[in-house]
Amino acid sequence: MDKNLVNGFLDRVRAAGGIIREQWADEKCIAFKGRIDLVTQTDLAVEAYLLRALPELLPGSAVLAEESHTTLTPDGLSWIVDPVDGTTNYAHGLPMTAVSVALWRDGRAELGAVYAPMLDELFWAVRGGGAFLNGRPIGVSAETEMRKALIATGFPYSVCDEADEICSRLRRVLEASQGVRRFGSAAIDLAYTACGRFEGFYETSLKPWDTAAGWLLVEEAGGRVSGMDGKDYDFSGHMIVASNGHVHEALLELLRRD
């Protein structure tokens, strides 16, 4: 991929994260899209910036972004944008929040970045070119045993309607693994799986902007991403399962078990 495109992309992702840093201490203007689904003035400001900046970088490209989307299906040459992944964390002053952006072309992500500005960690990947954290190559964990694996998960906005099933899965994974973490940002969970901090991650009901960049990160770092059925992941809204590859089948078995 063209080096100037990659560098320009990363500059824009960093600038988007800079908006989060600049507004971090501001009073939060919070609106509710659902009972526990928030949007803040910062989500809107970051998205407005990227809606302008990304098409300038790649003329002819469209933007599919969380707060302004009219479809859930990326089409043609598209940037997939989550301006603030982990808005609830942001609203409560928790640093596990990130900008997530992927370039979608020909049915797959070709370029992706997850930037956690309050941690100053920029993860990025190029299709066929590897994955990186602050400029250094990263790879998935080499752990092969589920009992030694640290697994991440998240809860959907419909958690109250699915609590029994969610808790049943969580208990099985918790009992079989070294532990489970719930950070509240799928983009960060996927990035942490890519760099070996987690051995795996699963969650249901995610949208393209939650997963597109992190999906590419995990694959380019040597890991595996699938649906709960073990087949190729897509944006259908069903479960995403990402791992270092070594514990993938064991994790799938735990998630499928009745």
C-alpha atoms as a PDB file:
ATOM      1  CA  MET A   1       0.000   0.000   0.000  1.00  0.00           C
ATOM      2  CA  ASP A   2       1.162   3.526  -0.802  1.00  0.00           C
ATOM      3  CA  LYS A   3       3.321   4.834   2.038  1.00  0.00           C
ATOM      4  CA  ASN A   4       1.957   8.371   1.739  1.00  0.00           C
ATOM      5  CA  LEU A   5      -1.589   7.054   2.106  1.00  0.00           C
ATOM      6  CA  VAL A   6      -0.661   5.088   5.224  1.00  0.00           C
ATOM      7  CA  ASN A   7       1.190   8.017   6.805  1.00  0.00           C
ATOM      8  CA  GLY A   8      -1.627  10.427   5.987  1.00  0.00           C
ATOM      9  CA  PHE A   9      -4.128   7.994   7.442  1.00  0.00           C
ATOM     10  CA  LEU A  10      -2.194   7.617  10.688  1.00  0.00           C
ATOM     11  CA  ASP A  11      -1.798  11.390  10.979  1.00  0.00           C
ATOM     12  CA  ARG A  12      -5.565  11.788  10.743  1.00  0.00           C
ATOM     13  CA  VAL A  13      -6.228   9.049  13.300  1.00  0.00           C
ATOM     14  CA  ARG A  14      -3.790  10.722  15.701  1.00  0.00           C
ATOM     15  CA  ALA A  15      -5.486  14.081  15.130  1.00  0.00           C
ATOM     16  CA  ALA A  16      -8.872  12.504  15.859  1.00  0.00           C
ATOM     17  CA  GLY A  17      -7.474  11.137  19.102  1.00  0.00           C
ATOM     18  CA  GLY A  18      -6.168  14.614  19.866  1.00  0.00           C
ATOM     19  CA  ILE A  19      -9.752  15.878  19.939  1.00  0.00           C
ATOM     20  CA  ILE A  20     -10.540  13.320  22.644  1.00  0.00           C
ATOM     21  CA  ARG A  21      -7.524  14.471  24.681  1.00  0.00           C
ATOM     22  CA  GLU A  22      -8.440  18.142  24.264  1.00  0.00           C
ATOM     23  CA  GLN A  23     -12.006  17.558  25.467  1.00  0.00           C
ATOM     24  CA  TRP A  24     -11.179  14.995  28.138  1.00  0.00           C
ATOM     25  CA  ALA A  25     -11.602  17.346  31.102  1.00  0.00           C
ATOM     26  CA  ASP A  26     -14.583  19.215  29.615  1.00  0.00           C
ATOM     27  CA  GLU A  27     -18.039  18.834  31.044  1.00  0.00           C
ATOM     28  CA  LYS A  28     -19.700  16.001  29.139  1.00  0.00           C
ATOM     29  CA  CYS A  29     -22.822  16.730  27.126  1.00  0.00           C
ATOM     30  CA  ILE A  30     -24.459  13.293  27.072  1.00  0.00           C
ATOM     31  CA  ALA A  31     -27.419  12.113  25.029  1.00  0.00           C
ATOM     32  CA  PHE A  32     -28.942   8.643  25.149  1.00  0.00           C
ATOM     33  CA  LYS A  33     -29.490   6.619  21.967  1.00  0.00           C
ATOM     34  CA  GLY A  34     -30.785   3.777  24.133  1.00  0.00           C
ATOM     35  CA  ARG A  35     -31.090   2.907  27.810  1.00  0.00           C
ATOM     36  CA  ILE A  36     -27.306   2.438  28.181  1.00  0.00           C
ATOM     37  CA  ASP A  37     -26.121   3.620  24.734  1.00  0.00           C
ATOM     38  CA  LEU A  38     -24.517   7.057  24.974  1.00  0.00           C
ATOM     39  CA  VAL A  39     -23.276   9.727  22.611  1.00  0.00           C
ATOM     40  CA  THR A  40     -21.306  12.808  23.657  1.00  0.00           C
ATOM     41  CA  GLN A  41     -20.230  16.041  22.024  1.00  0.00           C
ATOM     42  CA  THR A  42     -16.804  14.457  21.555  1.00  0.00           C
ATOM     43  CA  ASP A  43     -18.183  11.545  19.512  1.00  0.00           C
ATOM     44  CA  LEU A  44     -19.775  14.099  17.215  1.00  0.00           C
ATOM     45  CA  ALA A  45     -16.684  16.328  17.014  1.00  0.00           C
ATOM     46  CA  VAL A  46     -14.335  13.443  16.194  1.00  0.00           C
ATOM     47  CA  GLU A  47     -16.732  12.056  13.605  1.00  0.00           C
ATOM     48  CA  ALA A  48     -17.196  15.466  11.969  1.00  0.00           C
ATOM     49  CA  TYR A  49     -13.429  15.805  11.634  1.00  0.00           C
ATOM     50  CA  LEU A  50     -13.009  12.347  10.092  1.00  0.00           C
ATOM     51  CA  LEU A  51     -15.962  12.832   7.730  1.00  0.00           C
ATOM     52  CA  ARG A  52     -13.992  15.742   6.245  1.00  0.00           C
ATOM     53  CA  ALA A  53     -10.438  14.468   6.569  1.00  0.00           C
ATOM     54  CA  LEU A  54     -10.675  10.898   5.280  1.00  0.00           C
ATOM     55  CA  PRO A  55     -12.281  11.564   1.865  1.00  0.00           C
ATOM     56  CA  GLU A  56      -9.693  14.331   1.327  1.00  0.00           C
ATOM     57  CA  LEU A  57      -7.021  11.694   1.791  1.00  0.00           C
ATOM     58  CA  LEU A  58      -8.597   9.282  -0.692  1.00  0.00           C
ATOM     59  CA  PRO A  59     -10.882  11.019  -3.230  1.00  0.00           C
ATOM     60  CA  GLY A  60     -13.905   8.960  -4.187  1.00  0.00           C
ATOM     61  CA  SER A  61     -14.093   7.180  -0.843  1.00  0.00           C
ATOM     62  CA  ALA A  62     -17.199   7.170   1.326  1.00  0.00           C
ATOM     63  CA  VAL A  63     -17.450   7.114   5.124  1.00  0.00           C
ATOM     64  CA  LEU A  64     -19.567   4.710   7.173  1.00  0.00           C
ATOM     65  CA  ALA A  65     -19.523   6.185  10.671  1.00  0.00           C
ATOM     66  CA  GLU A  66     -21.361   5.287  13.857  1.00  0.00           C
ATOM     67  CA  GLU A  67     -23.194   8.520  14.523  1.00  0.00           C
ATOM     68  CA  SER A  68     -24.173   9.379  10.928  1.00  0.00           C
ATOM     69  CA  HIS A  69     -24.648   5.998   9.256  1.00  0.00           C
ATOM     70  CA  THR A  70     -27.613   5.244   7.036  1.00  0.00           C
ATOM     71  CA  THR A  71     -26.617   1.615   6.427  1.00  0.00           C
ATOM     72  CA  LEU A  72     -24.744  -1.117   8.261  1.00  0.00           C
ATOM     73  CA  THR A  73     -23.110  -2.473   5.108  1.00  0.00           C
ATOM     74  CA  PRO A  74     -19.897  -0.914   3.778  1.00  0.00           C
ATOM     75  CA  ASP A  75     -19.966  -0.560   0.010  1.00  0.00           C
ATOM     76  CA  GLY A  76     -17.194  -0.002  -2.502  1.00  0.00           C
ATOM     77  CA  LEU A  77     -14.317   2.072  -1.182  1.00  0.00           C
ATOM     78  CA  SER A  78     -15.319   3.067   2.358  1.00  0.00           C
ATOM     79  CA  TRP A  79     -13.814   4.265   5.598  1.00  0.00           C
ATOM     80  CA  ILE A  80     -15.462   2.570   8.596  1.00  0.00           C
ATOM     81  CA  VAL A  81     -15.307   4.883  11.606  1.00  0.00           C
ATOM     82  CA  ASP A  82     -16.013   4.611  15.310  1.00  0.00           C
ATOM     83  CA  PRO A  83     -15.149   8.102  16.586  1.00  0.00           C
ATOM     84  CA  VAL A  84     -15.116   7.121  20.271  1.00  0.00           C
ATOM     85  CA  ASP A  85     -15.223   3.402  20.941  1.00  0.00           C
ATOM     86  CA  GLY A  86     -15.959   3.123  24.645  1.00  0.00           C
ATOM     87  CA  THR A  87     -18.147   6.216  24.973  1.00  0.00           C
ATOM     88  CA  THR A  88     -19.419   5.104  28.377  1.00  0.00           C
ATOM     89  CA  ASN A  89     -15.811   4.853  29.566  1.00  0.00           C
ATOM     90  CA  TYR A  90     -15.138   8.323  28.173  1.00  0.00           C
ATOM     91  CA  ALA A  91     -18.193   9.750  29.916  1.00  0.00           C
ATOM     92  CA  HIS A  92     -16.942   8.330  33.234  1.00  0.00           C
ATOM     93  CA  GLY A  93     -13.317   9.403  32.793  1.00  0.00           C
ATOM     94  CA  LEU A  94     -11.953   5.913  32.119  1.00  0.00           C
ATOM     95  CA  PRO A  95      -9.031   5.854  29.649  1.00  0.00           C
ATOM     96  CA  MET A  96     -10.107   2.666  27.821  1.00  0.00           C
ATOM     97  CA  THR A  97     -11.500   4.563  24.854  1.00  0.00           C
ATOM     98  CA  ALA A  98     -10.301   4.650  21.277  1.00  0.00           C
ATOM     99  CA  VAL A  99     -10.717   5.935  17.764  1.00  0.00           C
ATOM    100  CA  SER A 100     -11.191   3.014  15.368  1.00  0.00           C
ATOM    101  CA  VAL A 101     -10.897   3.457  11.593  1.00  0.00           C
ATOM    102  CA  ALA A 102     -10.600   0.944   8.750  1.00  0.00           C
ATOM    103  CA  LEU A 103     -10.383   1.300   4.985  1.00  0.00           C
ATOM    104  CA  TRP A 104     -12.776  -1.188   3.395  1.00  0.00           C
ATOM    105  CA  ARG A 105     -12.238  -2.251  -0.208  1.00  0.00           C
ATOM    106  CA  ASP A 106     -13.399  -5.256  -2.223  1.00  0.00           C
ATOM    107  CA  GLY A 107     -15.179  -6.826   0.737  1.00  0.00           C
ATOM    108  CA  ARG A 108     -12.395  -6.624   3.314  1.00  0.00           C
ATOM    109  CA  ALA A 109     -10.371  -4.201   5.423  1.00  0.00           C
ATOM    110  CA  GLU A 110      -7.135  -3.158   3.749  1.00  0.00           C
ATOM    111  CA  LEU A 111      -5.899  -0.671   6.336  1.00  0.00           C
ATOM    112  CA  GLY A 112      -6.895  -0.182   9.953  1.00  0.00           C
ATOM    113  CA  ALA A 113      -5.985   1.661  13.121  1.00  0.00           C
ATOM    114  CA  VAL A 114      -7.102   1.692  16.733  1.00  0.00           C
ATOM    115  CA  TYR A 115      -5.795   4.659  18.701  1.00  0.00           C
ATOM    116  CA  ALA A 116      -6.233   4.893  22.468  1.00  0.00           C
ATOM    117  CA  PRO A 117      -5.243   8.556  22.963  1.00  0.00           C
ATOM    118  CA  MET A 118      -5.293   8.634  26.773  1.00  0.00           C
ATOM    119  CA  LEU A 119      -2.900   5.663  26.778  1.00  0.00           C
ATOM    120  CA  ASP A 120      -0.963   7.017  23.769  1.00  0.00           C
ATOM    121  CA  GLU A 121      -1.119   3.648  22.023  1.00  0.00           C
ATOM    122  CA  LEU A 122      -1.594   3.578  18.259  1.00  0.00           C
ATOM    123  CA  PHE A 123      -2.219   0.129  16.791  1.00  0.00           C
ATOM    124  CA  TRP A 124      -2.331  -0.186  13.018  1.00  0.00           C
ATOM    125  CA  ALA A 125      -2.160  -2.784  10.285  1.00  0.00           C
ATOM    126  CA  VAL A 126      -1.929  -3.041   6.512  1.00  0.00           C
ATOM    127  CA  ARG A 127      -3.317  -6.052   4.648  1.00  0.00           C
ATOM    128  CA  GLY A 128      -0.313  -8.244   3.908  1.00  0.00           C
ATOM    129  CA  GLY A 129       2.024  -5.854   5.706  1.00  0.00           C
ATOM    130  CA  GLY A 130       1.765  -6.832   9.372  1.00  0.00           C
ATOM    131  CA  ALA A 131       0.511  -5.134  12.519  1.00  0.00           C
ATOM    132  CA  PHE A 132       2.204  -2.520  14.672  1.00  0.00           C
ATOM    133  CA  LEU A 133       1.990  -0.714  18.013  1.00  0.00           C
ATOM    134  CA  ASN A 134       3.569   2.744  18.072  1.00  0.00           C
ATOM    135  CA  GLY A 135       5.671   1.744  15.080  1.00  0.00           C
ATOM    136  CA  ARG A 136       6.908  -1.598  16.394  1.00  0.00           C
ATOM    137  CA  PRO A 137       5.750  -4.947  14.957  1.00  0.00           C
ATOM    138  CA  ILE A 138       3.352  -6.938  17.121  1.00  0.00           C
ATOM    139  CA  GLY A 139       2.180 -10.534  17.170  1.00  0.00           C
ATOM    140  CA  VAL A 140      -0.362 -12.631  19.000  1.00  0.00           C
ATOM    141  CA  SER A 141       0.371 -14.646  22.122  1.00  0.00           C
ATOM    142  CA  ALA A 142       2.018 -18.058  21.755  1.00  0.00           C
ATOM    143  CA  GLU A 143      -0.041 -19.534  24.624  1.00  0.00           C
ATOM    144  CA  THR A 144      -1.673 -22.832  23.679  1.00  0.00           C
ATOM    145  CA  GLU A 145      -3.534 -23.778  26.876  1.00  0.00           C
ATOM    146  CA  MET A 146      -6.932 -22.346  27.684  1.00  0.00           C
ATOM    147  CA  ARG A 147      -6.298 -22.662  31.410  1.00  0.00           C
ATOM    148  CA  LYS A 148      -3.444 -20.156  30.998  1.00  0.00           C
ATOM    149  CA  ALA A 149      -5.342 -17.877  28.632  1.00  0.00           C
ATOM    150  CA  LEU A 150      -6.651 -14.412  29.497  1.00  0.00           C
ATOM    151  CA  ILE A 151      -9.886 -13.769  27.609  1.00  0.00           C
ATOM    152  CA  ALA A 152     -11.715 -10.498  26.983  1.00  0.00           C
ATOM    153  CA  THR A 153     -15.421  -9.993  26.416  1.00  0.00           C
ATOM    154  CA  GLY A 154     -18.054  -7.301  26.259  1.00  0.00           C
ATOM    155  CA  PHE A 155     -21.775  -6.994  26.877  1.00  0.00           C
ATOM    156  CA  PRO A 156     -24.272  -5.816  24.228  1.00  0.00           C
ATOM    157  CA  TYR A 157     -26.660  -2.932  24.766  1.00  0.00           C
ATOM    158  CA  SER A 158     -29.406  -5.582  24.876  1.00  0.00           C
ATOM    159  CA  VAL A 159     -27.764  -7.186  27.919  1.00  0.00           C
ATOM    160  CA  CYS A 160     -30.961  -7.107  29.975  1.00  0.00           C
ATOM    161  CA  ASP A 161     -32.720  -9.253  27.378  1.00  0.00           C
ATOM    162  CA  GLU A 162     -29.853 -11.748  27.132  1.00  0.00           C
ATOM    163  CA  ALA A 163     -28.464 -11.782  30.665  1.00  0.00           C
ATOM    164  CA  ASP A 164     -28.920 -15.506  31.318  1.00  0.00           C
ATOM    165  CA  GLU A 165     -27.176 -16.577  28.125  1.00  0.00           C
ATOM    166  CA  ILE A 166     -24.394 -14.016  28.547  1.00  0.00           C
ATOM    167  CA  CYS A 167     -23.737 -15.049  32.130  1.00  0.00           C
ATOM    168  CA  SER A 168     -23.805 -18.739  31.240  1.00  0.00           C
ATOM    169  CA  ARG A 169     -21.120 -18.247  28.586  1.00  0.00           C
ATOM    170  CA  LEU A 170     -19.121 -16.014  30.888  1.00  0.00           C
ATOM    171  CA  ARG A 171     -19.123 -18.606  33.654  1.00  0.00           C
ATOM    172  CA  ARG A 172     -17.895 -21.353  31.329  1.00  0.00           C
ATOM    173  CA  VAL A 173     -15.054 -19.229  29.991  1.00  0.00           C
ATOM    174  CA  LEU A 174     -14.179 -17.922  33.447  1.00  0.00           C
ATOM    175  CA  GLU A 175     -13.939 -21.419  34.903  1.00  0.00           C
ATOM    176  CA  ALA A 176     -11.836 -22.752  32.006  1.00  0.00           C
ATOM    177  CA  SER A 177      -9.389 -19.854  31.594  1.00  0.00           C
ATOM    178  CA  GLN A 178      -6.923 -17.882  33.670  1.00  0.00           C
ATOM    179  CA  GLY A 179      -9.390 -15.019  33.794  1.00  0.00           C
ATOM    180  CA  VAL A 180     -11.812 -12.768  31.914  1.00  0.00           C
ATOM    181  CA  ARG A 181     -11.563  -9.009  31.409  1.00  0.00           C
ATOM    182  CA  ARG A 182     -14.295  -6.590  30.336  1.00  0.00           C
ATOM    183  CA  PHE A 183     -12.834  -3.203  29.322  1.00  0.00           C
ATOM    184  CA  GLY A 184     -15.842  -1.745  27.511  1.00  0.00           C
ATOM    185  CA  SER A 185     -14.145  -1.150  24.149  1.00  0.00           C
ATOM    186  CA  ALA A 186     -14.233  -3.890  21.530  1.00  0.00           C
ATOM    187  CA  ALA A 187     -11.638  -2.057  19.440  1.00  0.00           C
ATOM    188  CA  ILE A 188      -9.165  -2.101  22.326  1.00  0.00           C
ATOM    189  CA  ASP A 189     -10.000  -5.728  23.150  1.00  0.00           C
ATOM    190  CA  LEU A 190      -9.164  -6.724  19.569  1.00  0.00           C
ATOM    191  CA  ALA A 191      -5.991  -4.627  19.556  1.00  0.00           C
ATOM    192  CA  TYR A 192      -4.905  -6.228  22.834  1.00  0.00           C
ATOM    193  CA  THR A 193      -5.528  -9.665  21.359  1.00  0.00           C
ATOM    194  CA  ALA A 194      -3.386  -8.685  18.378  1.00  0.00           C
ATOM    195  CA  CYS A 195      -0.438  -7.674  20.560  1.00  0.00           C
ATOM    196  CA  GLY A 196      -0.635 -10.701  22.855  1.00  0.00           C
ATOM    197  CA  ARG A 197      -2.071  -9.133  25.982  1.00  0.00           C
ATOM    198  CA  PHE A 198      -5.189 -11.269  25.584  1.00  0.00           C
ATOM    199  CA  GLU A 199      -5.328 -14.762  24.138  1.00  0.00           C
ATOM    200  CA  GLY A 200      -8.881 -14.243  22.913  1.00  0.00           C
ATOM    201  CA  PHE A 201     -11.960 -12.043  22.748  1.00  0.00           C
ATOM    202  CA  TYR A 202     -15.652 -12.631  22.075  1.00  0.00           C
ATOM    203  CA  GLU A 203     -18.765 -10.478  21.975  1.00  0.00           C
ATOM    204  CA  THR A 204     -22.177 -10.398  20.314  1.00  0.00           C
ATOM    205  CA  SER A 205     -24.182  -7.697  18.519  1.00  0.00           C
ATOM    206  CA  LEU A 206     -21.252  -5.569  17.416  1.00  0.00           C
ATOM    207  CA  LYS A 207     -21.372  -3.236  14.417  1.00  0.00           C
ATOM    208  CA  PRO A 208     -18.860  -2.798  11.568  1.00  0.00           C
ATOM    209  CA  TRP A 209     -17.283   0.261  13.215  1.00  0.00           C
ATOM    210  CA  ASP A 210     -16.640  -1.747  16.397  1.00  0.00           C
ATOM    211  CA  THR A 211     -14.719  -4.535  14.680  1.00  0.00           C
ATOM    212  CA  ALA A 212     -13.395  -3.638  11.205  1.00  0.00           C
ATOM    213  CA  ALA A 213     -10.016  -2.240  12.258  1.00  0.00           C
ATOM    214  CA  GLY A 214      -9.448  -4.699  15.099  1.00  0.00           C
ATOM    215  CA  TRP A 215     -10.348  -7.646  12.876  1.00  0.00           C
ATOM    216  CA  LEU A 216      -7.523  -6.694  10.496  1.00  0.00           C
ATOM    217  CA  LEU A 217      -5.136  -6.133  13.418  1.00  0.00           C
ATOM    218  CA  VAL A 218      -5.687  -9.640  14.776  1.00  0.00           C
ATOM    219  CA  GLU A 219      -5.280 -11.332  11.413  1.00  0.00           C
ATOM    220  CA  GLU A 220      -2.166  -9.362  10.484  1.00  0.00           C
ATOM    221  CA  ALA A 221      -0.681 -10.157  13.901  1.00  0.00           C
ATOM    222  CA  GLY A 222      -1.050 -13.870  13.172  1.00  0.00           C
ATOM    223  CA  GLY A 223      -4.344 -14.567  14.919  1.00  0.00           C
ATOM    224  CA  ARG A 224      -7.730 -15.872  13.847  1.00  0.00           C
ATOM    225  CA  VAL A 225     -11.158 -14.238  13.647  1.00  0.00           C
ATOM    226  CA  SER A 226     -14.404 -16.150  13.107  1.00  0.00           C
ATOM    227  CA  GLY A 227     -18.038 -16.354  14.046  1.00  0.00           C
ATOM    228  CA  MET A 228     -19.174 -18.657  16.845  1.00  0.00           C
ATOM    229  CA  ASP A 229     -19.741 -21.367  14.212  1.00  0.00           C
ATOM    230  CA  GLY A 230     -16.039 -21.225  13.293  1.00  0.00           C
ATOM    231  CA  LYS A 231     -16.799 -19.877   9.819  1.00  0.00           C
ATOM    232  CA  ASP A 232     -15.617 -16.555   8.451  1.00  0.00           C
ATOM    233  CA  TYR A 233     -16.713 -13.552  10.491  1.00  0.00           C
ATOM    234  CA  ASP A 234     -18.984 -11.008   8.848  1.00  0.00           C
ATOM    235  CA  PHE A 235     -20.945  -7.947   9.931  1.00  0.00           C
ATOM    236  CA  SER A 236     -24.207  -9.822  10.518  1.00  0.00           C
ATOM    237  CA  GLY A 237     -24.331  -8.798  14.174  1.00  0.00           C
ATOM    238  CA  HIS A 238     -23.743 -12.295  15.516  1.00  0.00           C
ATOM    239  CA  MET A 239     -20.778 -13.159  17.711  1.00  0.00           C
ATOM    240  CA  ILE A 240     -17.191 -12.297  16.832  1.00  0.00           C
ATOM    241  CA  VAL A 241     -14.532 -14.630  18.205  1.00  0.00           C
ATOM    242  CA  ALA A 242     -10.907 -13.509  17.909  1.00  0.00           C
ATOM    243  CA  SER A 243      -7.875 -15.293  19.272  1.00  0.00           C
ATOM    244  CA  ASN A 244      -4.210 -16.083  18.924  1.00  0.00           C
ATOM    245  CA  GLY A 245      -5.316 -19.101  16.896  1.00  0.00           C
ATOM    246  CA  HIS A 246      -3.941 -21.626  19.383  1.00  0.00           C
ATOM    247  CA  VAL A 247      -6.900 -21.479  21.780  1.00  0.00           C
ATOM    248  CA  HIS A 248      -9.529 -20.705  19.153  1.00  0.00           C
ATOM    249  CA  GLU A 249     -11.199 -24.096  18.952  1.00  0.00           C
ATOM    250  CA  ALA A 250     -11.231 -24.473  22.735  1.00  0.00           C
ATOM    251  CA  LEU A 251     -12.834 -21.051  23.092  1.00  0.00           C
ATOM    252  CA  LEU A 252     -15.432 -21.853  20.439  1.00  0.00           C
ATOM    253  CA  GLU A 253     -16.326 -25.077  22.240  1.00  0.00           C
ATOM    254  CA  LEU A 254     -16.915 -23.197  25.474  1.00  0.00           C
ATOM    255  CA  LEU A 255     -19.061 -20.565  23.765  1.00  0.00           C
ATOM    256  CA  ARG A 256     -21.213 -23.119  21.919  1.00  0.00           C
ATOM    257  CA  ARG A 257     -21.862 -25.409  24.882  1.00  0.00           C
ATOM    258  CA  ASP A 258     -25.434 -25.408  26.202  1.00  0.00           C
END
